[in-house]
Amino acid sequence: MAVSITTVLAGVNAHVAEVEASADADTSATIPHGLSAAPDFVALVPLQAAARTSDWIATTIDGTNIVVEKTTGAGSGAAGAQLRVVASLPHSIVR
């Protein structure tokens, strides 16, 4: 049982990752974003129906990580990449 994170884009001003839960009981993922500051914009984008059987929320957003958690809805695990997390820096601190 685990949650895997696949980085899609590791840019200077933005980070995009996909989250995949291997079982319904896998409920938390920590995404290291490498932006050196807390992102101003974070979007949780469902990629398939399995992402909608549980509620995904971002519980922590800081200068190094984004932590997302979900409930344990039936069918919310072992379904491939379910959630895309998009984070970007505020315009005022774009490098």
PDB file of N, CA and C in Angstrom:
ATOM      1  N   MET A   1       0.836  -1.177   0.000  1.00  0.00           N
ATOM      2  CA  MET A   1       0.000   0.000   0.000  1.00  0.00           C
ATOM      3  C   MET A   1       0.883   1.243   0.000  1.00  0.00           C
ATOM      4  N   ALA A   2       0.611   2.093  -0.963  1.00  0.00           N
ATOM      5  CA  ALA A   2       1.390   3.317  -1.037  1.00  0.00           C
ATOM      6  C   ALA A   2       0.722   4.278  -1.998  1.00  0.00           C
ATOM      7  N   VAL A   3       1.145   5.508  -1.891  1.00  0.00           N
ATOM      8  CA  VAL A   3       0.737   6.521  -2.839  1.00  0.00           C
ATOM      9  C   VAL A   3       1.987   6.909  -3.600  1.00  0.00           C
ATOM     10  N   SER A   4       1.926   6.904  -4.926  1.00  0.00           N
ATOM     11  CA  SER A   4       3.088   7.285  -5.711  1.00  0.00           C
ATOM     12  C   SER A   4       2.860   8.643  -6.350  1.00  0.00           C
ATOM     13  N   ILE A   5       3.947   9.380  -6.477  1.00  0.00           N
ATOM     14  CA  ILE A   5       3.933  10.715  -7.063  1.00  0.00           C
ATOM     15  C   ILE A   5       4.800  10.666  -8.308  1.00  0.00           C
ATOM     16  N   THR A   6       4.267  11.136  -9.423  1.00  0.00           N
ATOM     17  CA  THR A   6       5.030  11.238 -10.662  1.00  0.00           C
ATOM     18  C   THR A   6       5.101  12.709 -11.043  1.00  0.00           C
ATOM     19  N   THR A   7       6.320  13.227 -11.165  1.00  0.00           N
ATOM     20  CA  THR A   7       6.485  14.613 -11.563  1.00  0.00           C
ATOM     21  C   THR A   7       6.299  14.726 -13.071  1.00  0.00           C
ATOM     22  N   VAL A   8       5.411  15.610 -13.483  1.00  0.00           N
ATOM     23  CA  VAL A   8       5.142  15.864 -14.897  1.00  0.00           C
ATOM     24  C   VAL A   8       5.943  17.073 -15.365  1.00  0.00           C
ATOM     25  N   LEU A   9       6.052  18.089 -14.514  1.00  0.00           N
ATOM     26  CA  LEU A   9       6.808  19.304 -14.823  1.00  0.00           C
ATOM     27  C   LEU A   9       7.474  19.796 -13.551  1.00  0.00           C
ATOM     28  N   ALA A  10       8.781  19.991 -13.605  1.00  0.00           N
ATOM     29  CA  ALA A  10       9.517  20.558 -12.477  1.00  0.00           C
ATOM     30  C   ALA A  10      10.176  21.837 -12.956  1.00  0.00           C
ATOM     31  N   GLY A  11       9.389  22.890 -13.069  1.00  0.00           N
ATOM     32  CA  GLY A  11       9.900  24.155 -13.563  1.00  0.00           C
ATOM     33  C   GLY A  11      10.362  25.055 -12.441  1.00  0.00           C
ATOM     34  N   VAL A  12      10.897  26.199 -12.817  1.00  0.00           N
ATOM     35  CA  VAL A  12      11.373  27.185 -11.851  1.00  0.00           C
ATOM     36  C   VAL A  12      10.194  27.866 -11.163  1.00  0.00           C
ATOM     37  N   ASN A  13       9.113  28.106 -11.927  1.00  0.00           N
ATOM     38  CA  ASN A  13       7.962  28.831 -11.403  1.00  0.00           C
ATOM     39  C   ASN A  13       6.725  27.977 -11.212  1.00  0.00           C
ATOM     40  N   ALA A  14       6.776  26.730 -11.679  1.00  0.00           N
ATOM     41  CA  ALA A  14       5.604  25.858 -11.588  1.00  0.00           C
ATOM     42  C   ALA A  14       6.034  24.413 -11.387  1.00  0.00           C
ATOM     43  N   HIS A  15       5.158  23.662 -10.754  1.00  0.00           N
ATOM     44  CA  HIS A  15       5.398  22.233 -10.541  1.00  0.00           C
ATOM     45  C   HIS A  15       4.080  21.504 -10.792  1.00  0.00           C
ATOM     46  N   VAL A  16       4.155  20.421 -11.567  1.00  0.00           N
ATOM     47  CA  VAL A  16       2.972  19.616 -11.857  1.00  0.00           C
ATOM     48  C   VAL A  16       3.307  18.169 -11.523  1.00  0.00           C
ATOM     49  N   ALA A  17       2.437  17.521 -10.748  1.00  0.00           N
ATOM     50  CA  ALA A  17       2.647  16.132 -10.356  1.00  0.00           C
ATOM     51  C   ALA A  17       1.337  15.371 -10.450  1.00  0.00           C
ATOM     52  N   GLU A  18       1.449  14.064 -10.682  1.00  0.00           N
ATOM     53  CA  GLU A  18       0.280  13.189 -10.682  1.00  0.00           C
ATOM     54  C   GLU A  18       0.364  12.255  -9.484  1.00  0.00           C
ATOM     55  N   VAL A  19      -0.789  12.005  -8.872  1.00  0.00           N
ATOM     56  CA  VAL A  19      -0.879  11.199  -7.657  1.00  0.00           C
ATOM     57  C   VAL A  19      -1.656   9.928  -7.968  1.00  0.00           C
ATOM     58  N   GLU A  20      -1.106   8.802  -7.521  1.00  0.00           N
ATOM     59  CA  GLU A  20      -1.759   7.507  -7.712  1.00  0.00           C
ATOM     60  C   GLU A  20      -1.768   6.745  -6.399  1.00  0.00           C
ATOM     61  N   ALA A  21      -2.959   6.386  -5.929  1.00  0.00           N
ATOM     62  CA  ALA A  21      -3.101   5.577  -4.713  1.00  0.00           C
ATOM     63  C   ALA A  21      -3.190   4.112  -5.133  1.00  0.00           C
ATOM     64  N   SER A  22      -2.419   3.248  -4.481  1.00  0.00           N
ATOM     65  CA  SER A  22      -2.434   1.832  -4.859  1.00  0.00           C
ATOM     66  C   SER A  22      -3.558   1.047  -4.197  1.00  0.00           C
ATOM     67  N   ALA A  23      -4.190   1.635  -3.169  1.00  0.00           N
ATOM     68  CA  ALA A  23      -5.307   0.976  -2.488  1.00  0.00           C
ATOM     69  C   ALA A  23      -6.249   2.043  -1.931  1.00  0.00           C
ATOM     70  N   ASP A  24      -7.489   1.666  -1.669  1.00  0.00           N
ATOM     71  CA  ASP A  24      -8.460   2.611  -1.115  1.00  0.00           C
ATOM     72  C   ASP A  24      -7.976   3.206   0.201  1.00  0.00           C
ATOM     73  N   ALA A  25      -7.222   2.431   0.980  1.00  0.00           N
ATOM     74  CA  ALA A  25      -6.765   2.876   2.300  1.00  0.00           C
ATOM     75  C   ALA A  25      -5.570   3.827   2.238  1.00  0.00           C
ATOM     76  N   ASP A  26      -4.982   4.013   1.069  1.00  0.00           N
ATOM     77  CA  ASP A  26      -3.883   4.967   0.929  1.00  0.00           C
ATOM     78  C   ASP A  26      -4.477   6.367   0.870  1.00  0.00           C
ATOM     79  N   THR A  27      -4.208   7.161   1.890  1.00  0.00           N
ATOM     80  CA  THR A  27      -4.947   8.410   2.024  1.00  0.00           C
ATOM     81  C   THR A  27      -4.113   9.679   2.001  1.00  0.00           C
ATOM     82  N   SER A  28      -2.793   9.599   1.941  1.00  0.00           N
ATOM     83  CA  SER A  28      -1.996  10.813   2.043  1.00  0.00           C
ATOM     84  C   SER A  28      -0.800  10.759   1.104  1.00  0.00           C
ATOM     85  N   ALA A  29      -0.497  11.903   0.492  1.00  0.00           N
ATOM     86  CA  ALA A  29       0.667  12.013  -0.385  1.00  0.00           C
ATOM     87  C   ALA A  29       1.371  13.329  -0.110  1.00  0.00           C
ATOM     88  N   THR A  30       2.691  13.290  -0.033  1.00  0.00           N
ATOM     89  CA  THR A  30       3.494  14.495   0.126  1.00  0.00           C
ATOM     90  C   THR A  30       4.229  14.741  -1.180  1.00  0.00           C
ATOM     91  N   ILE A  31       3.992  15.904  -1.757  1.00  0.00           N
ATOM     92  CA  ILE A  31       4.575  16.258  -3.044  1.00  0.00           C
ATOM     93  C   ILE A  31       5.628  17.339  -2.814  1.00  0.00           C
ATOM     94  N   PRO A  32       6.920  17.007  -2.952  1.00  0.00           N
ATOM     95  CA  PRO A  32       7.943  18.039  -2.847  1.00  0.00           C
ATOM     96  C   PRO A  32       7.957  18.852  -4.147  1.00  0.00           C
ATOM     97  N   HIS A  33       7.772  20.176  -4.048  1.00  0.00           N
ATOM     98  CA  HIS A  33       7.626  20.967  -5.263  1.00  0.00           C
ATOM     99  C   HIS A  33       8.882  21.707  -5.696  1.00  0.00           C
ATOM    100  N   GLY A  34       9.826  21.944  -4.810  1.00  0.00           N
ATOM    101  CA  GLY A  34      11.086  22.567  -5.185  1.00  0.00           C
ATOM    102  C   GLY A  34      10.988  24.008  -5.658  1.00  0.00           C
ATOM    103  N   LEU A  35       9.954  24.734  -5.289  1.00  0.00           N
ATOM    104  CA  LEU A  35       9.777  26.109  -5.749  1.00  0.00           C
ATOM    105  C   LEU A  35      10.447  27.137  -4.840  1.00  0.00           C
ATOM    106  N   SER A  36      10.969  26.718  -3.710  1.00  0.00           N
ATOM    107  CA  SER A  36      11.668  27.585  -2.754  1.00  0.00           C
ATOM    108  C   SER A  36      10.777  28.630  -2.087  1.00  0.00           C
ATOM    109  N   ALA A  37       9.483  28.540  -2.281  1.00  0.00           N
ATOM    110  CA  ALA A  37       8.511  29.428  -1.632  1.00  0.00           C
ATOM    111  C   ALA A  37       7.158  28.739  -1.705  1.00  0.00           C
ATOM    112  N   ALA A  38       6.269  29.128  -0.829  1.00  0.00           N
ATOM    113  CA  ALA A  38       4.918  28.550  -0.862  1.00  0.00           C
ATOM    114  C   ALA A  38       4.219  28.982  -2.145  1.00  0.00           C
ATOM    115  N   PRO A  39       3.678  28.037  -2.905  1.00  0.00           N
ATOM    116  CA  PRO A  39       2.981  28.421  -4.132  1.00  0.00           C
ATOM    117  C   PRO A  39       1.723  29.222  -3.831  1.00  0.00           C
ATOM    118  N   ASP A  40       1.463  30.183  -4.689  1.00  0.00           N
ATOM    119  CA  ASP A  40       0.279  31.029  -4.563  1.00  0.00           C
ATOM    120  C   ASP A  40      -0.948  30.345  -5.147  1.00  0.00           C
ATOM    121  N   PHE A  41      -0.719  29.515  -6.152  1.00  0.00           N
ATOM    122  CA  PHE A  41      -1.807  28.837  -6.850  1.00  0.00           C
ATOM    123  C   PHE A  41      -1.586  27.335  -6.763  1.00  0.00           C
ATOM    124  N   VAL A  42      -2.585  26.605  -6.274  1.00  0.00           N
ATOM    125  CA  VAL A  42      -2.550  25.147  -6.254  1.00  0.00           C
ATOM    126  C   VAL A  42      -3.900  24.648  -6.741  1.00  0.00           C
ATOM    127  N   ALA A  43      -3.879  23.807  -7.767  1.00  0.00           N
ATOM    128  CA  ALA A  43      -5.113  23.232  -8.300  1.00  0.00           C
ATOM    129  C   ALA A  43      -5.040  21.718  -8.202  1.00  0.00           C
ATOM    130  N   LEU A  44      -6.129  21.108  -7.768  1.00  0.00           N
ATOM    131  CA  LEU A  44      -6.259  19.654  -7.732  1.00  0.00           C
ATOM    132  C   LEU A  44      -7.208  19.271  -8.857  1.00  0.00           C
ATOM    133  N   VAL A  45      -6.679  18.601  -9.869  1.00  0.00           N
ATOM    134  CA  VAL A  45      -7.443  18.289 -11.074  1.00  0.00           C
ATOM    135  C   VAL A  45      -7.685  16.782 -11.149  1.00  0.00           C
ATOM    136  N   PRO A  46      -8.932  16.333 -11.072  1.00  0.00           N
ATOM    137  CA  PRO A  46      -9.199  14.896 -11.188  1.00  0.00           C
ATOM    138  C   PRO A  46      -8.897  14.424 -12.609  1.00  0.00           C
ATOM    139  N   LEU A  47      -8.206  13.285 -12.721  1.00  0.00           N
ATOM    140  CA  LEU A  47      -7.856  12.748 -14.031  1.00  0.00           C
ATOM    141  C   LEU A  47      -8.791  11.638 -14.488  1.00  0.00           C
ATOM    142  N   GLN A  48      -9.501  11.025 -13.562  1.00  0.00           N
ATOM    143  CA  GLN A  48     -10.433   9.957 -13.907  1.00  0.00           C
ATOM    144  C   GLN A  48     -11.492   9.834 -12.814  1.00  0.00           C
ATOM    145  N   ALA A  49     -12.475   9.016 -13.060  1.00  0.00           N
ATOM    146  CA  ALA A  49     -13.604   8.881 -12.134  1.00  0.00           C
ATOM    147  C   ALA A  49     -13.163   8.445 -10.737  1.00  0.00           C
ATOM    148  N   ALA A  50     -12.104   7.655 -10.626  1.00  0.00           N
ATOM    149  CA  ALA A  50     -11.638   7.189  -9.311  1.00  0.00           C
ATOM    150  C   ALA A  50     -11.280   8.360  -8.395  1.00  0.00           C
ATOM    151  N   ALA A  51     -10.867   9.476  -8.956  1.00  0.00           N
ATOM    152  CA  ALA A  51     -10.532  10.644  -8.139  1.00  0.00           C
ATOM    153  C   ALA A  51     -11.774  11.262  -7.524  1.00  0.00           C
ATOM    154  N   ARG A  52     -12.928  10.958  -8.074  1.00  0.00           N
ATOM    155  CA  ARG A  52     -14.173  11.543  -7.561  1.00  0.00           C
ATOM    156  C   ARG A  52     -14.877  10.651  -6.542  1.00  0.00           C
ATOM    157  N   THR A  53     -14.414   9.418  -6.359  1.00  0.00           N
ATOM    158  CA  THR A  53     -15.044   8.544  -5.377  1.00  0.00           C
ATOM    159  C   THR A  53     -14.577   8.859  -3.966  1.00  0.00           C
ATOM    160  N   SER A  54     -13.522   9.632  -3.850  1.00  0.00           N
ATOM    161  CA  SER A  54     -13.033  10.128  -2.568  1.00  0.00           C
ATOM    162  C   SER A  54     -12.799  11.616  -2.694  1.00  0.00           C
ATOM    163  N   ASP A  55     -12.906  12.315  -1.586  1.00  0.00           N
ATOM    164  CA  ASP A  55     -12.636  13.748  -1.589  1.00  0.00           C
ATOM    165  C   ASP A  55     -11.150  13.986  -1.398  1.00  0.00           C
ATOM    166  N   TRP A  56     -10.491  14.599  -2.367  1.00  0.00           N
ATOM    167  CA  TRP A  56      -9.089  14.984  -2.260  1.00  0.00           C
ATOM    168  C   TRP A  56      -9.030  16.437  -1.804  1.00  0.00           C
ATOM    169  N   ILE A  57      -8.170  16.730  -0.831  1.00  0.00           N
ATOM    170  CA  ILE A  57      -7.958  18.107  -0.390  1.00  0.00           C
ATOM    171  C   ILE A  57      -6.469  18.324  -0.135  1.00  0.00           C
ATOM    172  N   ALA A  58      -6.031  19.547  -0.291  1.00  0.00           N
ATOM    173  CA  ALA A  58      -4.660  19.911   0.073  1.00  0.00           C
ATOM    174  C   ALA A  58      -4.692  20.350   1.533  1.00  0.00           C
ATOM    175  N   THR A  59      -3.980  19.617   2.389  1.00  0.00           N
ATOM    176  CA  THR A  59      -4.004  19.930   3.821  1.00  0.00           C
ATOM    177  C   THR A  59      -2.847  20.820   4.242  1.00  0.00           C
ATOM    178  N   THR A  60      -1.743  20.771   3.505  1.00  0.00           N
ATOM    179  CA  THR A  60      -0.578  21.592   3.822  1.00  0.00           C
ATOM    180  C   THR A  60       0.033  22.098   2.533  1.00  0.00           C
ATOM    181  N   ILE A  61       0.297  23.390   2.490  1.00  0.00           N
ATOM    182  CA  ILE A  61       1.001  23.997   1.363  1.00  0.00           C
ATOM    183  C   ILE A  61       2.055  24.907   1.974  1.00  0.00           C
ATOM    184  N   ASP A  62       3.327  24.563   1.781  1.00  0.00           N
ATOM    185  CA  ASP A  62       4.384  25.380   2.353  1.00  0.00           C
ATOM    186  C   ASP A  62       5.520  25.555   1.348  1.00  0.00           C
ATOM    187  N   GLY A  63       6.646  26.051   1.808  1.00  0.00           N
ATOM    188  CA  GLY A  63       7.764  26.357   0.924  1.00  0.00           C
ATOM    189  C   GLY A  63       8.472  25.155   0.341  1.00  0.00           C
ATOM    190  N   THR A  64       8.171  23.959   0.813  1.00  0.00           N
ATOM    191  CA  THR A  64       8.847  22.769   0.291  1.00  0.00           C
ATOM    192  C   THR A  64       7.904  21.681  -0.201  1.00  0.00           C
ATOM    193  N   ASN A  65       6.714  21.571   0.395  1.00  0.00           N
ATOM    194  CA  ASN A  65       5.818  20.465   0.075  1.00  0.00           C
ATOM    195  C   ASN A  65       4.358  20.893  -0.057  1.00  0.00           C
ATOM    196  N   ILE A  66       3.621  20.054  -0.777  1.00  0.00           N
ATOM    197  CA  ILE A  66       2.168  20.112  -0.786  1.00  0.00           C
ATOM    198  C   ILE A  66       1.699  18.741  -0.318  1.00  0.00           C
ATOM    199  N   VAL A  67       0.887  18.704   0.702  1.00  0.00           N
ATOM    200  CA  VAL A  67       0.349  17.440   1.208  1.00  0.00           C
ATOM    201  C   VAL A  67      -1.119  17.367   0.809  1.00  0.00           C
ATOM    202  N   VAL A  68      -1.476  16.277   0.110  1.00  0.00           N
ATOM    203  CA  VAL A  68      -2.878  16.059  -0.252  1.00  0.00           C
ATOM    204  C   VAL A  68      -3.356  14.802   0.454  1.00  0.00           C
ATOM    205  N   GLU A  69      -4.613  14.828   0.860  1.00  0.00           N
ATOM    206  CA  GLU A  69      -5.224  13.682   1.531  1.00  0.00           C
ATOM    207  C   GLU A  69      -6.576  13.402   0.906  1.00  0.00           C
ATOM    208  N   LYS A  70      -6.999  12.143   1.008  1.00  0.00           N
ATOM    209  CA  LYS A  70      -8.304  11.748   0.485  1.00  0.00           C
ATOM    210  C   LYS A  70      -9.016  10.865   1.491  1.00  0.00           C
ATOM    211  N   THR A  71     -10.312  10.741   1.301  1.00  0.00           N
ATOM    212  CA  THR A  71     -11.085   9.787   2.088  1.00  0.00           C
ATOM    213  C   THR A  71     -10.918   8.403   1.457  1.00  0.00           C
ATOM    214  N   THR A  72     -11.455   7.387   2.071  1.00  0.00           N
ATOM    215  CA  THR A  72     -11.222   6.009   1.620  1.00  0.00           C
ATOM    216  C   THR A  72     -12.403   5.435   0.847  1.00  0.00           C
ATOM    217  N   GLY A  73     -12.963   6.191  -0.053  1.00  0.00           N
ATOM    218  CA  GLY A  73     -14.091   5.721  -0.850  1.00  0.00           C
ATOM    219  C   GLY A  73     -13.758   4.468  -1.639  1.00  0.00           C
ATOM    220  N   ALA A  74     -14.703   3.566  -1.763  1.00  0.00           N
ATOM    221  CA  ALA A  74     -14.500   2.325  -2.510  1.00  0.00           C
ATOM    222  C   ALA A  74     -14.162   2.642  -3.961  1.00  0.00           C
ATOM    223  N   GLY A  75     -13.104   2.027  -4.459  1.00  0.00           N
ATOM    224  CA  GLY A  75     -12.680   2.246  -5.836  1.00  0.00           C
ATOM    225  C   GLY A  75     -11.739   3.415  -6.015  1.00  0.00           C
ATOM    226  N   SER A  76     -11.275   3.995  -4.906  1.00  0.00           N
ATOM    227  CA  SER A  76     -10.401   5.167  -5.011  1.00  0.00           C
ATOM    228  C   SER A  76      -8.928   4.802  -5.069  1.00  0.00           C
ATOM    229  N   GLY A  77      -8.613   3.515  -5.022  1.00  0.00           N
ATOM    230  CA  GLY A  77      -7.230   3.070  -5.119  1.00  0.00           C
ATOM    231  C   GLY A  77      -7.043   2.129  -6.287  1.00  0.00           C
ATOM    232  N   ALA A  78      -5.800   1.849  -6.633  1.00  0.00           N
ATOM    233  CA  ALA A  78      -5.439   0.916  -7.704  1.00  0.00           C
ATOM    234  C   ALA A  78      -6.137   1.258  -9.014  1.00  0.00           C
ATOM    235  N   ALA A  79      -6.143   2.538  -9.354  1.00  0.00           N
ATOM    236  CA  ALA A  79      -6.857   2.972 -10.556  1.00  0.00           C
ATOM    237  C   ALA A  79      -5.994   3.843 -11.456  1.00  0.00           C
ATOM    238  N   GLY A  80      -4.683   3.753 -11.333  1.00  0.00           N
ATOM    239  CA  GLY A  80      -3.814   4.619 -12.130  1.00  0.00           C
ATOM    240  C   GLY A  80      -3.782   6.022 -11.564  1.00  0.00           C
ATOM    241  N   ALA A  81      -3.113   6.915 -12.284  1.00  0.00           N
ATOM    242  CA  ALA A  81      -3.010   8.304 -11.831  1.00  0.00           C
ATOM    243  C   ALA A  81      -4.405   8.906 -11.754  1.00  0.00           C
ATOM    244  N   GLN A  82      -4.761   9.380 -10.575  1.00  0.00           N
ATOM    245  CA  GLN A  82      -6.116   9.878 -10.339  1.00  0.00           C
ATOM    246  C   GLN A  82      -6.192  11.385 -10.237  1.00  0.00           C
ATOM    247  N   LEU A  83      -5.121  11.994  -9.789  1.00  0.00           N
ATOM    248  CA  LEU A  83      -5.167  13.408  -9.453  1.00  0.00           C
ATOM    249  C   LEU A  83      -3.926  14.096  -9.993  1.00  0.00           C
ATOM    250  N   ARG A  84      -4.116  15.249 -10.620  1.00  0.00           N
ATOM    251  CA  ARG A  84      -2.989  16.080 -11.034  1.00  0.00           C
ATOM    252  C   ARG A  84      -2.965  17.288 -10.117  1.00  0.00           C
ATOM    253  N   VAL A  85      -1.792  17.583  -9.571  1.00  0.00           N
ATOM    254  CA  VAL A  85      -1.608  18.733  -8.692  1.00  0.00           C
ATOM    255  C   VAL A  85      -0.745  19.747  -9.437  1.00  0.00           C
ATOM    256  N   VAL A  86      -1.285  20.943  -9.629  1.00  0.00           N
ATOM    257  CA  VAL A  86      -0.592  22.013 -10.341  1.00  0.00           C
ATOM    258  C   VAL A  86      -0.317  23.117  -9.339  1.00  0.00           C
ATOM    259  N   ALA A  87       0.949  23.521  -9.216  1.00  0.00           N
ATOM    260  CA  ALA A  87       1.323  24.581  -8.282  1.00  0.00           C
ATOM    261  C   ALA A  87       2.183  25.604  -9.006  1.00  0.00           C
ATOM    262  N   SER A  88       1.962  26.884  -8.704  1.00  0.00           N
ATOM    263  CA  SER A  88       2.807  27.924  -9.298  1.00  0.00           C
ATOM    264  C   SER A  88       3.028  29.044  -8.288  1.00  0.00           C
ATOM    265  N   LEU A  89       4.123  29.745  -8.502  1.00  0.00           N
ATOM    266  CA  LEU A  89       4.474  30.855  -7.629  1.00  0.00           C
ATOM    267  C   LEU A  89       3.644  32.086  -7.949  1.00  0.00           C
ATOM    268  N   PRO A  90       3.475  32.968  -6.955  1.00  0.00           N
ATOM    269  CA  PRO A  90       2.791  34.227  -7.241  1.00  0.00           C
ATOM    270  C   PRO A  90       3.633  35.057  -8.204  1.00  0.00           C
ATOM    271  N   HIS A  91       2.997  35.869  -8.973  1.00  0.00           N
ATOM    272  CA  HIS A  91       3.671  36.657  -9.999  1.00  0.00           C
ATOM    273  C   HIS A  91       4.780  37.534  -9.429  1.00  0.00           C
ATOM    274  N   SER A  92       4.615  38.029  -8.220  1.00  0.00           N
ATOM    275  CA  SER A  92       5.572  38.973  -7.646  1.00  0.00           C
ATOM    276  C   SER A  92       6.913  38.335  -7.312  1.00  0.00           C
ATOM    277  N   ILE A  93       6.979  36.998  -7.203  1.00  0.00           N
ATOM    278  CA  ILE A  93       8.257  36.375  -6.901  1.00  0.00           C
ATOM    279  C   ILE A  93       8.669  35.376  -7.972  1.00  0.00           C
ATOM    280  N   VAL A  94       8.187  35.555  -9.185  1.00  0.00           N
ATOM    281  CA  VAL A  94       8.613  34.709 -10.289  1.00  0.00           C
ATOM    282  C   VAL A  94      10.089  34.959 -10.532  1.00  0.00           C
ATOM    283  N   ARG A  95      10.843  33.860 -10.619  1.00  0.00           N
ATOM    284  CA  ARG A  95      12.290  34.002 -10.803  1.00  0.00           C
ATOM    285  C   ARG A  95      12.631  34.221 -12.248  1.00  0.00           C
TER     286      ARG A  95
END
